Amino acid sequence: MPPSPALTIRAASEGDLAAVLRLYAQPAMDGASTSLQTARATFAEARRMPGYTLYVAESGGNVVGTFVLLIMPNIGHCATPSALLDNVAVAPAKQGQGIGRAMMRFALQTCAQAGCYKVTLSSNLRRDDAHAFYDKLGFERHGYSFRIDPTTVD
């Protein structure tokens, strides 16, 4: 097998959104995705949020992975920031090649440099392979995660 092209992890641009949406549309990510028009509007809004960055992993000129990192100021924990890592996806044909590991290393180093006291992420209960991956990276299953659809609250 020929060596894979170098991997670059960088902040996404609007031009990356179609590739990011393809990554989100894969069955392992629940197969759902939004329109490019909606993604552009959401991306523009999210980029105005301090601490929010949509990242892409690029190899050979192609987007092969993505994740979102939100580093948040925190009044608690002695004013030490925390981070949320979300929407982690790697192209199915590229899984098992170290892309996810490189993205997580990049994200964790970014959080360490920002002085975060913790990084949290959530993963769909059905994503057993992802859970095993996070376990190998040293993430610990911690506490409980709660979710509610706010439109159901009266």
N, C-alpha and C. Protein backbone atom coordinates (compact mmCIF):
# COMPACT_ATOMS: atom_id res chain seq x y z
N MET A 1 0.85 -1.17 0.00
CA MET A 1 0.00 0.00 0.00
C MET A 1 0.91 1.24 0.00
N PRO A 2 0.65 2.20 -0.91
CA PRO A 2 1.47 3.41 -0.93
C PRO A 2 1.24 4.24 0.31
N PRO A 3 2.25 5.02 0.72
CA PRO A 3 2.05 5.85 1.91
C PRO A 3 0.94 6.86 1.68
N SER A 4 0.17 7.11 2.73
CA SER A 4 -0.91 8.08 2.60
C SER A 4 -0.33 9.49 2.62
N PRO A 5 -0.98 10.42 1.90
CA PRO A 5 -0.51 11.81 1.91
C PRO A 5 -0.55 12.38 3.33
N ALA A 6 0.26 13.38 3.54
CA ALA A 6 0.31 14.03 4.86
C ALA A 6 -1.07 14.51 5.28
N LEU A 7 -1.31 14.46 6.56
CA LEU A 7 -2.58 14.89 7.12
C LEU A 7 -2.42 16.29 7.70
N THR A 8 -3.33 17.17 7.34
CA THR A 8 -3.36 18.53 7.86
C THR A 8 -4.67 18.71 8.60
N ILE A 9 -4.61 19.21 9.81
CA ILE A 9 -5.81 19.54 10.57
C ILE A 9 -5.86 21.05 10.68
N ARG A 10 -6.98 21.62 10.25
CA ARG A 10 -7.10 23.07 10.20
C ARG A 10 -8.54 23.48 10.43
N ALA A 11 -8.71 24.76 10.76
CA ALA A 11 -10.06 25.31 10.87
C ALA A 11 -10.73 25.23 9.51
N ALA A 12 -11.98 24.85 9.50
CA ALA A 12 -12.73 24.72 8.25
C ALA A 12 -13.07 26.10 7.69
N SER A 13 -13.27 26.12 6.40
CA SER A 13 -13.78 27.31 5.72
C SER A 13 -15.14 26.96 5.13
N GLU A 14 -15.83 27.97 4.66
CA GLU A 14 -17.14 27.72 4.04
C GLU A 14 -17.02 26.75 2.87
N GLY A 15 -15.89 26.79 2.16
CA GLY A 15 -15.67 25.89 1.04
C GLY A 15 -15.57 24.43 1.43
N ASP A 16 -15.38 24.13 2.71
CA ASP A 16 -15.29 22.74 3.18
C ASP A 16 -16.65 22.15 3.55
N LEU A 17 -17.68 22.97 3.60
CA LEU A 17 -18.94 22.51 4.18
C LEU A 17 -19.58 21.35 3.42
N ALA A 18 -19.51 21.32 2.11
CA ALA A 18 -20.10 20.20 1.37
C ALA A 18 -19.43 18.88 1.77
N ALA A 19 -18.12 18.89 1.90
CA ALA A 19 -17.40 17.68 2.32
C ALA A 19 -17.75 17.30 3.75
N VAL A 20 -17.88 18.29 4.63
CA VAL A 20 -18.26 18.02 6.02
C VAL A 20 -19.66 17.39 6.05
N LEU A 21 -20.57 17.92 5.26
CA LEU A 21 -21.93 17.36 5.23
C LEU A 21 -21.92 15.91 4.75
N ARG A 22 -21.06 15.58 3.80
CA ARG A 22 -20.95 14.18 3.34
C ARG A 22 -20.48 13.29 4.49
N LEU A 23 -19.54 13.78 5.29
CA LEU A 23 -19.08 12.99 6.44
C LEU A 23 -20.21 12.78 7.44
N TYR A 24 -21.01 13.81 7.67
CA TYR A 24 -22.12 13.70 8.62
C TYR A 24 -23.24 12.79 8.09
N ALA A 25 -23.35 12.64 6.78
CA ALA A 25 -24.44 11.86 6.20
C ALA A 25 -24.17 10.36 6.21
N GLN A 26 -22.98 9.93 6.60
CA GLN A 26 -22.69 8.50 6.60
C GLN A 26 -23.55 7.78 7.64
N PRO A 27 -23.91 6.54 7.36
CA PRO A 27 -24.80 5.80 8.28
C PRO A 27 -24.31 5.76 9.72
N ALA A 28 -23.00 5.66 9.96
CA ALA A 28 -22.50 5.60 11.33
C ALA A 28 -22.79 6.89 12.09
N MET A 29 -23.03 7.97 11.38
CA MET A 29 -23.34 9.25 12.01
C MET A 29 -24.85 9.48 12.04
N ASP A 30 -25.62 8.50 11.82
CA ASP A 30 -27.08 8.41 11.78
C ASP A 30 -27.66 8.76 10.42
N GLY A 31 -26.79 9.05 9.45
CA GLY A 31 -27.24 9.24 8.08
C GLY A 31 -27.97 10.53 7.80
N ALA A 32 -28.05 11.41 8.77
CA ALA A 32 -28.81 12.65 8.59
C ALA A 32 -27.85 13.81 8.33
N SER A 33 -28.28 14.70 7.49
CA SER A 33 -27.49 15.88 7.19
C SER A 33 -28.44 17.00 6.79
N THR A 34 -27.95 18.21 6.84
CA THR A 34 -28.76 19.37 6.48
C THR A 34 -28.39 19.82 5.08
N SER A 35 -29.09 20.80 4.58
CA SER A 35 -28.77 21.34 3.25
C SER A 35 -27.52 22.20 3.33
N LEU A 36 -26.86 22.37 2.20
CA LEU A 36 -25.67 23.21 2.16
C LEU A 36 -26.03 24.65 2.51
N GLN A 37 -27.18 25.11 2.06
CA GLN A 37 -27.61 26.48 2.38
C GLN A 37 -27.77 26.67 3.89
N THR A 38 -28.42 25.73 4.54
CA THR A 38 -28.60 25.81 5.99
C THR A 38 -27.25 25.69 6.69
N ALA A 39 -26.38 24.80 6.20
CA ALA A 39 -25.05 24.65 6.80
C ALA A 39 -24.26 25.95 6.70
N ARG A 40 -24.35 26.62 5.58
CA ARG A 40 -23.62 27.90 5.43
C ARG A 40 -24.12 28.93 6.44
N ALA A 41 -25.42 29.03 6.61
CA ALA A 41 -25.98 30.00 7.57
C ALA A 41 -25.59 29.64 9.00
N THR A 42 -25.66 28.37 9.32
CA THR A 42 -25.30 27.91 10.67
C THR A 42 -23.82 28.11 10.94
N PHE A 43 -23.00 27.82 9.94
CA PHE A 43 -21.55 27.99 10.08
C PHE A 43 -21.21 29.47 10.31
N ALA A 44 -21.85 30.35 9.57
CA ALA A 44 -21.61 31.79 9.75
C ALA A 44 -21.97 32.23 11.17
N GLU A 45 -23.08 31.72 11.67
CA GLU A 45 -23.50 32.06 13.03
C GLU A 45 -22.54 31.47 14.06
N ALA A 46 -22.18 30.21 13.89
CA ALA A 46 -21.31 29.53 14.86
C ALA A 46 -19.92 30.17 14.92
N ARG A 47 -19.42 30.62 13.79
CA ARG A 47 -18.08 31.24 13.76
C ARG A 47 -18.02 32.53 14.57
N ARG A 48 -19.17 33.14 14.80
CA ARG A 48 -19.20 34.36 15.62
C ARG A 48 -19.14 34.04 17.11
N MET A 49 -19.28 32.78 17.46
CA MET A 49 -19.28 32.36 18.86
C MET A 49 -17.83 32.18 19.33
N PRO A 50 -17.41 32.96 20.31
CA PRO A 50 -16.03 32.80 20.80
C PRO A 50 -15.78 31.37 21.27
N GLY A 51 -14.65 30.83 20.90
CA GLY A 51 -14.27 29.49 21.35
C GLY A 51 -14.73 28.36 20.46
N TYR A 52 -15.59 28.66 19.47
CA TYR A 52 -16.13 27.63 18.57
C TYR A 52 -15.24 27.51 17.34
N THR A 53 -14.84 26.28 17.02
CA THR A 53 -14.13 26.04 15.77
C THR A 53 -14.56 24.71 15.18
N LEU A 54 -14.93 24.74 13.92
CA LEU A 54 -15.16 23.53 13.13
C LEU A 54 -13.83 23.23 12.45
N TYR A 55 -13.31 22.03 12.70
CA TYR A 55 -12.03 21.63 12.12
C TYR A 55 -12.25 20.58 11.04
N VAL A 56 -11.33 20.54 10.10
CA VAL A 56 -11.31 19.45 9.12
C VAL A 56 -9.92 18.84 9.11
N ALA A 57 -9.87 17.57 8.80
CA ALA A 57 -8.61 16.87 8.54
C ALA A 57 -8.56 16.67 7.03
N GLU A 58 -7.46 17.08 6.44
CA GLU A 58 -7.32 17.05 4.99
C GLU A 58 -6.12 16.21 4.61
N SER A 59 -6.30 15.37 3.61
CA SER A 59 -5.22 14.53 3.12
C SER A 59 -5.33 14.46 1.59
N GLY A 60 -4.24 14.76 0.93
CA GLY A 60 -4.26 14.71 -0.54
C GLY A 60 -5.26 15.66 -1.16
N GLY A 61 -5.53 16.78 -0.47
CA GLY A 61 -6.48 17.75 -0.99
C GLY A 61 -7.93 17.41 -0.71
N ASN A 62 -8.18 16.33 0.02
CA ASN A 62 -9.55 15.91 0.33
C ASN A 62 -9.82 15.99 1.82
N VAL A 63 -11.02 16.42 2.17
CA VAL A 63 -11.45 16.42 3.57
C VAL A 63 -11.79 14.98 3.93
N VAL A 64 -11.08 14.44 4.92
CA VAL A 64 -11.25 13.04 5.31
C VAL A 64 -11.76 12.88 6.74
N GLY A 65 -11.87 14.00 7.46
CA GLY A 65 -12.37 13.94 8.83
C GLY A 65 -12.78 15.33 9.29
N THR A 66 -13.55 15.36 10.36
CA THR A 66 -14.01 16.63 10.92
C THR A 66 -14.36 16.47 12.39
N PHE A 67 -14.33 17.57 13.09
CA PHE A 67 -14.84 17.64 14.46
C PHE A 67 -15.07 19.09 14.82
N VAL A 68 -15.88 19.30 15.85
CA VAL A 68 -16.13 20.63 16.38
C VAL A 68 -15.53 20.68 17.77
N LEU A 69 -14.88 21.79 18.06
CA LEU A 69 -14.33 22.01 19.40
C LEU A 69 -14.85 23.35 19.90
N LEU A 70 -15.44 23.33 21.07
CA LEU A 70 -15.93 24.54 21.73
C LEU A 70 -15.22 24.67 23.06
N ILE A 71 -14.39 25.68 23.18
CA ILE A 71 -13.68 25.96 24.43
C ILE A 71 -14.43 27.10 25.11
N MET A 72 -14.89 26.81 26.34
CA MET A 72 -15.80 27.73 27.03
C MET A 72 -15.19 28.30 28.29
N PRO A 73 -15.31 29.61 28.47
CA PRO A 73 -14.93 30.19 29.76
C PRO A 73 -15.82 29.59 30.84
N ASN A 74 -15.34 29.59 32.05
CA ASN A 74 -16.07 28.91 33.11
C ASN A 74 -15.86 29.66 34.42
N ILE A 75 -16.91 30.09 35.03
CA ILE A 75 -16.78 30.76 36.32
C ILE A 75 -16.47 29.74 37.42
N GLY A 76 -17.01 28.54 37.28
CA GLY A 76 -16.72 27.47 38.23
C GLY A 76 -15.31 26.94 38.03
N HIS A 77 -14.93 26.01 38.86
CA HIS A 77 -13.61 25.37 38.79
C HIS A 77 -12.50 26.42 38.74
N CYS A 78 -12.63 27.41 39.61
CA CYS A 78 -11.61 28.48 39.74
C CYS A 78 -11.37 29.20 38.41
N ALA A 79 -12.44 29.40 37.67
CA ALA A 79 -12.40 30.11 36.38
C ALA A 79 -11.51 29.41 35.36
N THR A 80 -11.50 28.08 35.41
CA THR A 80 -10.73 27.29 34.46
C THR A 80 -11.65 26.86 33.32
N PRO A 81 -11.26 27.10 32.06
CA PRO A 81 -12.14 26.75 30.95
C PRO A 81 -12.35 25.24 30.82
N SER A 82 -13.42 24.90 30.14
CA SER A 82 -13.68 23.50 29.79
C SER A 82 -13.96 23.46 28.30
N ALA A 83 -14.03 22.25 27.76
CA ALA A 83 -14.22 22.11 26.31
C ALA A 83 -15.23 21.02 26.00
N LEU A 84 -15.91 21.21 24.89
CA LEU A 84 -16.85 20.24 24.35
C LEU A 84 -16.33 19.83 22.98
N LEU A 85 -16.16 18.56 22.78
CA LEU A 85 -15.72 17.98 21.52
C LEU A 85 -16.92 17.27 20.92
N ASP A 86 -17.29 17.61 19.69
CA ASP A 86 -18.55 17.11 19.14
C ASP A 86 -18.41 16.85 17.64
N ASN A 87 -19.37 16.12 17.11
CA ASN A 87 -19.50 15.88 15.66
C ASN A 87 -18.20 15.33 15.06
N VAL A 88 -17.63 14.34 15.70
CA VAL A 88 -16.40 13.70 15.22
C VAL A 88 -16.77 12.70 14.14
N ALA A 89 -16.15 12.85 12.97
CA ALA A 89 -16.43 11.93 11.86
C ALA A 89 -15.19 11.76 11.00
N VAL A 90 -14.99 10.53 10.52
CA VAL A 90 -13.91 10.21 9.59
C VAL A 90 -14.56 9.49 8.42
N ALA A 91 -14.09 9.78 7.21
CA ALA A 91 -14.62 9.11 6.02
C ALA A 91 -14.51 7.59 6.19
N PRO A 92 -15.57 6.85 5.87
CA PRO A 92 -15.53 5.40 6.09
C PRO A 92 -14.33 4.71 5.45
N ALA A 93 -13.95 5.10 4.25
CA ALA A 93 -12.82 4.46 3.57
C ALA A 93 -11.48 4.79 4.21
N LYS A 94 -11.46 5.79 5.09
CA LYS A 94 -10.22 6.23 5.73
C LYS A 94 -10.13 5.82 7.19
N GLN A 95 -11.15 5.17 7.71
CA GLN A 95 -11.12 4.77 9.11
C GLN A 95 -10.06 3.70 9.33
N GLY A 96 -9.45 3.73 10.51
CA GLY A 96 -8.40 2.77 10.84
C GLY A 96 -7.03 3.20 10.34
N GLN A 97 -6.91 4.42 9.81
CA GLN A 97 -5.62 4.89 9.29
C GLN A 97 -4.99 5.97 10.17
N GLY A 98 -5.51 6.15 11.38
CA GLY A 98 -4.92 7.10 12.31
C GLY A 98 -5.45 8.52 12.21
N ILE A 99 -6.44 8.75 11.37
CA ILE A 99 -6.98 10.09 11.19
C ILE A 99 -7.73 10.53 12.44
N GLY A 100 -8.60 9.68 12.95
CA GLY A 100 -9.34 10.01 14.17
C GLY A 100 -8.40 10.25 15.34
N ARG A 101 -7.40 9.42 15.46
CA ARG A 101 -6.41 9.58 16.54
C ARG A 101 -5.69 10.91 16.40
N ALA A 102 -5.30 11.28 15.19
CA ALA A 102 -4.61 12.56 14.97
C ALA A 102 -5.53 13.73 15.28
N MET A 103 -6.79 13.62 14.91
CA MET A 103 -7.74 14.70 15.21
C MET A 103 -7.92 14.85 16.71
N MET A 104 -8.06 13.74 17.42
CA MET A 104 -8.25 13.81 18.87
C MET A 104 -7.00 14.35 19.56
N ARG A 105 -5.81 13.94 19.09
CA ARG A 105 -4.57 14.47 19.66
C ARG A 105 -4.52 15.99 19.47
N PHE A 106 -4.85 16.44 18.27
CA PHE A 106 -4.87 17.88 17.98
C PHE A 106 -5.85 18.60 18.89
N ALA A 107 -7.06 18.05 19.03
CA ALA A 107 -8.09 18.68 19.87
C ALA A 107 -7.63 18.74 21.32
N LEU A 108 -7.08 17.65 21.83
CA LEU A 108 -6.66 17.61 23.23
C LEU A 108 -5.47 18.53 23.48
N GLN A 109 -4.56 18.63 22.54
CA GLN A 109 -3.45 19.57 22.69
C GLN A 109 -3.95 21.02 22.69
N THR A 110 -4.93 21.30 21.83
CA THR A 110 -5.53 22.63 21.79
C THR A 110 -6.17 22.97 23.13
N CYS A 111 -6.86 22.00 23.71
CA CYS A 111 -7.52 22.20 25.01
C CYS A 111 -6.49 22.38 26.12
N ALA A 112 -5.43 21.60 26.07
CA ALA A 112 -4.37 21.73 27.08
C ALA A 112 -3.74 23.12 26.99
N GLN A 113 -3.48 23.59 25.79
CA GLN A 113 -2.88 24.91 25.62
C GLN A 113 -3.82 26.01 26.12
N ALA A 114 -5.14 25.77 26.02
CA ALA A 114 -6.12 26.75 26.51
C ALA A 114 -6.33 26.65 28.01
N GLY A 115 -5.70 25.66 28.67
CA GLY A 115 -5.82 25.50 30.11
C GLY A 115 -7.11 24.84 30.55
N CYS A 116 -7.75 24.09 29.68
CA CYS A 116 -9.02 23.44 30.04
C CYS A 116 -8.81 22.40 31.13
N TYR A 117 -9.74 22.36 32.07
CA TYR A 117 -9.65 21.36 33.13
C TYR A 117 -10.30 20.04 32.71
N LYS A 118 -11.14 20.08 31.67
CA LYS A 118 -11.73 18.84 31.16
C LYS A 118 -12.19 19.05 29.73
N VAL A 119 -12.31 17.91 29.03
CA VAL A 119 -12.87 17.86 27.69
C VAL A 119 -13.97 16.81 27.74
N THR A 120 -15.15 17.18 27.31
CA THR A 120 -16.25 16.22 27.29
C THR A 120 -16.68 15.97 25.85
N LEU A 121 -17.19 14.79 25.64
CA LEU A 121 -17.80 14.46 24.35
C LEU A 121 -18.91 13.47 24.62
N SER A 122 -19.83 13.41 23.69
CA SER A 122 -20.89 12.41 23.80
C SER A 122 -20.90 11.62 22.50
N SER A 123 -21.43 10.42 22.58
CA SER A 123 -21.47 9.55 21.43
C SER A 123 -22.78 8.76 21.49
N ASN A 124 -23.38 8.57 20.34
CA ASN A 124 -24.62 7.82 20.25
C ASN A 124 -24.43 6.44 20.88
N LEU A 125 -25.41 5.99 21.63
CA LEU A 125 -25.33 4.69 22.31
C LEU A 125 -25.03 3.53 21.35
N ARG A 126 -25.44 3.65 20.10
CA ARG A 126 -25.26 2.56 19.14
C ARG A 126 -23.87 2.52 18.52
N ARG A 127 -23.01 3.48 18.78
CA ARG A 127 -21.71 3.58 18.11
C ARG A 127 -20.62 2.85 18.90
N ASP A 128 -20.75 1.54 18.98
CA ASP A 128 -19.82 0.74 19.77
C ASP A 128 -18.36 0.91 19.32
N ASP A 129 -18.13 0.98 18.01
CA ASP A 129 -16.76 1.16 17.52
C ASP A 129 -16.18 2.49 17.99
N ALA A 130 -17.00 3.53 17.96
CA ALA A 130 -16.54 4.84 18.43
C ALA A 130 -16.23 4.80 19.91
N HIS A 131 -17.06 4.10 20.69
CA HIS A 131 -16.83 4.00 22.13
C HIS A 131 -15.50 3.31 22.41
N ALA A 132 -15.23 2.23 21.69
CA ALA A 132 -13.96 1.51 21.87
C ALA A 132 -12.79 2.42 21.50
N PHE A 133 -12.95 3.21 20.45
CA PHE A 133 -11.92 4.16 20.03
C PHE A 133 -11.64 5.18 21.14
N TYR A 134 -12.70 5.77 21.69
CA TYR A 134 -12.51 6.77 22.76
C TYR A 134 -11.90 6.13 24.00
N ASP A 135 -12.31 4.91 24.32
CA ASP A 135 -11.71 4.20 25.45
C ASP A 135 -10.21 4.05 25.25
N LYS A 136 -9.79 3.64 24.05
CA LYS A 136 -8.36 3.46 23.76
C LYS A 136 -7.58 4.76 23.89
N LEU A 137 -8.23 5.87 23.62
CA LEU A 137 -7.56 7.17 23.72
C LEU A 137 -7.44 7.67 25.16
N GLY A 138 -8.11 6.97 26.09
CA GLY A 138 -8.02 7.37 27.48
C GLY A 138 -9.23 8.13 28.01
N PHE A 139 -10.23 8.33 27.16
CA PHE A 139 -11.46 8.94 27.66
C PHE A 139 -12.10 7.98 28.65
N GLU A 140 -12.69 8.53 29.69
CA GLU A 140 -13.37 7.72 30.70
C GLU A 140 -14.86 7.94 30.62
N ARG A 141 -15.60 6.87 30.79
CA ARG A 141 -17.06 7.02 30.88
C ARG A 141 -17.32 7.63 32.25
N HIS A 142 -18.00 8.76 32.24
CA HIS A 142 -18.08 9.57 33.44
C HIS A 142 -19.50 10.08 33.63
N GLY A 143 -20.03 9.84 34.78
CA GLY A 143 -21.33 10.41 35.13
C GLY A 143 -22.43 9.96 34.19
N TYR A 144 -23.41 10.80 34.06
CA TYR A 144 -24.55 10.56 33.20
C TYR A 144 -24.68 11.72 32.23
N SER A 145 -25.19 11.43 31.09
CA SER A 145 -25.50 12.47 30.12
C SER A 145 -27.02 12.50 29.97
N PHE A 146 -27.59 13.66 30.08
CA PHE A 146 -29.04 13.79 29.96
C PHE A 146 -29.38 14.60 28.73
N ARG A 147 -30.50 14.30 28.14
CA ARG A 147 -30.92 14.97 26.92
C ARG A 147 -32.43 15.16 26.97
N ILE A 148 -32.89 16.27 26.40
CA ILE A 148 -34.32 16.50 26.29
C ILE A 148 -34.58 17.33 25.04
N ASP A 149 -35.67 17.06 24.39
CA ASP A 149 -36.13 17.89 23.28
C ASP A 149 -36.89 19.05 23.92
N PRO A 150 -36.36 20.28 23.85
CA PRO A 150 -37.00 21.40 24.55
C PRO A 150 -38.39 21.73 24.04
N THR A 151 -38.73 21.26 22.85
CA THR A 151 -40.08 21.54 22.33
C THR A 151 -41.14 20.68 23.00
N THR A 152 -40.70 19.68 23.78
CA THR A 152 -41.67 18.82 24.46
C THR A 152 -42.01 19.30 25.86
N VAL A 153 -41.33 20.35 26.30
CA VAL A 153 -41.55 20.87 27.66
C VAL A 153 -42.67 21.89 27.62
N ASP A 154 -43.62 21.74 28.53
CA ASP A 154 -44.74 22.70 28.54
C ASP A 154 -44.51 23.81 29.52
